[in-house]
Amino acid sequence: MNETQKNKNFNLTEMKFKFNDLFTGIALLLCAFLCAFSLALIAIRLGPIAKWANYQTICVEQESLKSPTEWAVRKCNGRSKVYQVK
């Protein structure tokens, strides 16, 4: 074998790691997993809020056909009795 083919071979025994480089890589990987996990939790927790917002939109659209939009919003929020004009 000539010299160029020997240099192209991958040999784990000759590979040397610096402790700081290994620690930095592990720390970055851990931070990436932590960020991904946090974003997944946030996305899961926003599901019920999205469902409520969709319900509010449908309710306001249906109620605003019968009354002004302001009253439709109050009715869909459950406050129509509080704001009644006497």
C-alpha atoms as a PDB file:
ATOM      1  CA  MET A   1       0.000   0.000   0.000  1.00  0.00           C
ATOM      2  CA  ASN A   2       1.257   3.454  -0.730  1.00  0.00           C
ATOM      3  CA  GLU A   3       1.284   6.361   1.722  1.00  0.00           C
ATOM      4  CA  THR A   4      -1.890   8.099   0.469  1.00  0.00           C
ATOM      5  CA  GLN A   5      -4.050   5.009   0.975  1.00  0.00           C
ATOM      6  CA  LYS A   6      -2.824   4.613   4.563  1.00  0.00           C
ATOM      7  CA  ASN A   7      -3.835   8.185   5.399  1.00  0.00           C
ATOM      8  CA  LYS A   8      -7.324   7.686   3.992  1.00  0.00           C
ATOM      9  CA  ASN A   9      -8.087   4.742   6.295  1.00  0.00           C
ATOM     10  CA  PHE A  10     -10.072   5.549   9.420  1.00  0.00           C
ATOM     11  CA  ASN A  11      -8.457   4.328  12.615  1.00  0.00           C
ATOM     12  CA  LEU A  12     -10.216   4.860  15.965  1.00  0.00           C
ATOM     13  CA  THR A  13      -7.123   4.096  18.032  1.00  0.00           C
ATOM     14  CA  GLU A  14      -5.274   7.061  16.613  1.00  0.00           C
ATOM     15  CA  MET A  15      -8.176   9.437  17.126  1.00  0.00           C
ATOM     16  CA  LYS A  16      -7.765  11.737  20.105  1.00  0.00           C
ATOM     17  CA  PHE A  17     -10.593  13.714  21.659  1.00  0.00           C
ATOM     18  CA  LYS A  18     -10.194  16.761  23.746  1.00  0.00           C
ATOM     19  CA  PHE A  19     -12.365  16.599  26.857  1.00  0.00           C
ATOM     20  CA  ASN A  20     -13.641  20.147  26.325  1.00  0.00           C
ATOM     21  CA  ASP A  21     -14.784  19.403  22.782  1.00  0.00           C
ATOM     22  CA  LEU A  22     -16.620  16.288  23.904  1.00  0.00           C
ATOM     23  CA  PHE A  23     -18.236  18.101  26.834  1.00  0.00           C
ATOM     24  CA  THR A  24     -19.307  20.987  24.583  1.00  0.00           C
ATOM     25  CA  GLY A  25     -20.841  18.611  22.059  1.00  0.00           C
ATOM     26  CA  ILE A  26     -22.775  16.722  24.714  1.00  0.00           C
ATOM     27  CA  ALA A  27     -23.955  19.989  26.283  1.00  0.00           C
ATOM     28  CA  LEU A  28     -25.159  21.321  22.927  1.00  0.00           C
ATOM     29  CA  LEU A  29     -26.964  18.081  22.166  1.00  0.00           C
ATOM     30  CA  LEU A  30     -28.634  18.144  25.574  1.00  0.00           C
ATOM     31  CA  CYS A  31     -29.730  21.748  25.062  1.00  0.00           C
ATOM     32  CA  ALA A  32     -31.161  20.892  21.644  1.00  0.00           C
ATOM     33  CA  PHE A  33     -33.200  18.016  23.086  1.00  0.00           C
ATOM     34  CA  LEU A  34     -34.380  20.216  25.964  1.00  0.00           C
ATOM     35  CA  CYS A  35     -35.517  22.938  23.552  1.00  0.00           C
ATOM     36  CA  ALA A  36     -37.320  20.439  21.341  1.00  0.00           C
ATOM     37  CA  PHE A  37     -39.052  18.888  24.353  1.00  0.00           C
ATOM     38  CA  SER A  38     -40.113  22.321  25.627  1.00  0.00           C
ATOM     39  CA  LEU A  39     -41.544  23.319  22.262  1.00  0.00           C
ATOM     40  CA  ALA A  40     -43.432  20.034  22.038  1.00  0.00           C
ATOM     41  CA  LEU A  41     -44.986  20.629  25.457  1.00  0.00           C
ATOM     42  CA  ILE A  42     -46.001  24.147  24.484  1.00  0.00           C
ATOM     43  CA  ALA A  43     -47.606  22.885  21.276  1.00  0.00           C
ATOM     44  CA  ILE A  44     -49.539  20.213  23.163  1.00  0.00           C
ATOM     45  CA  ARG A  45     -50.752  22.681  25.795  1.00  0.00           C
ATOM     46  CA  LEU A  46     -51.982  25.147  23.149  1.00  0.00           C
ATOM     47  CA  GLY A  47     -54.406  22.618  21.644  1.00  0.00           C
ATOM     48  CA  PRO A  48     -57.368  23.348  23.981  1.00  0.00           C
ATOM     49  CA  ILE A  49     -56.857  27.101  23.574  1.00  0.00           C
ATOM     50  CA  ALA A  50     -56.987  26.738  19.793  1.00  0.00           C
ATOM     51  CA  LYS A  51     -60.210  24.724  20.096  1.00  0.00           C
ATOM     52  CA  TRP A  52     -61.763  27.411  22.341  1.00  0.00           C
ATOM     53  CA  ALA A  53     -60.690  30.192  19.952  1.00  0.00           C
ATOM     54  CA  ASN A  54     -62.266  28.340  17.037  1.00  0.00           C
ATOM     55  CA  TYR A  55     -65.495  27.956  19.013  1.00  0.00           C
ATOM     56  CA  GLN A  56     -65.455  31.683  19.854  1.00  0.00           C
ATOM     57  CA  THR A  57     -65.008  32.606  16.191  1.00  0.00           C
ATOM     58  CA  ILE A  58     -67.912  30.415  15.076  1.00  0.00           C
ATOM     59  CA  CYS A  59     -70.124  31.694  17.898  1.00  0.00           C
ATOM     60  CA  VAL A  60     -69.426  35.357  17.143  1.00  0.00           C
ATOM     61  CA  GLU A  61     -70.018  34.840  13.414  1.00  0.00           C
ATOM     62  CA  GLN A  62     -73.375  33.193  14.068  1.00  0.00           C
ATOM     63  CA  GLU A  63     -74.521  35.653  16.727  1.00  0.00           C
ATOM     64  CA  SER A  64     -73.433  38.737  14.788  1.00  0.00           C
ATOM     65  CA  LEU A  65     -76.051  37.903  12.164  1.00  0.00           C
ATOM     66  CA  LYS A  66     -78.770  38.613  14.760  1.00  0.00           C
ATOM     67  CA  SER A  67     -77.162  41.497  16.694  1.00  0.00           C
ATOM     68  CA  PRO A  68     -74.188  43.882  16.537  1.00  0.00           C
ATOM     69  CA  THR A  69     -70.746  42.354  16.789  1.00  0.00           C
ATOM     70  CA  GLU A  70     -70.119  43.872  20.242  1.00  0.00           C
ATOM     71  CA  TRP A  71     -73.176  42.134  21.663  1.00  0.00           C
ATOM     72  CA  ALA A  72     -72.270  38.883  19.906  1.00  0.00           C
ATOM     73  CA  VAL A  73     -68.843  38.915  21.555  1.00  0.00           C
ATOM     74  CA  ARG A  74     -70.377  39.577  24.967  1.00  0.00           C
ATOM     75  CA  LYS A  75     -72.913  36.792  24.509  1.00  0.00           C
ATOM     76  CA  CYS A  76     -70.290  34.274  23.411  1.00  0.00           C
ATOM     77  CA  ASN A  77     -68.172  35.206  26.413  1.00  0.00           C
ATOM     78  CA  GLY A  78     -71.124  34.550  28.721  1.00  0.00           C
ATOM     79  CA  ARG A  79     -71.566  38.190  29.773  1.00  0.00           C
ATOM     80  CA  SER A  80     -74.738  39.111  27.894  1.00  0.00           C
ATOM     81  CA  LYS A  81     -76.766  39.446  31.130  1.00  0.00           C
ATOM     82  CA  VAL A  82     -74.216  41.808  32.706  1.00  0.00           C
ATOM     83  CA  TYR A  83     -74.315  44.309  29.834  1.00  0.00           C
ATOM     84  CA  GLN A  84     -78.062  44.398  29.229  1.00  0.00           C
ATOM     85  CA  VAL A  85     -79.507  47.895  28.933  1.00  0.00           C
ATOM     86  CA  LYS A  86     -82.474  48.428  31.251  1.00  0.00           C
END
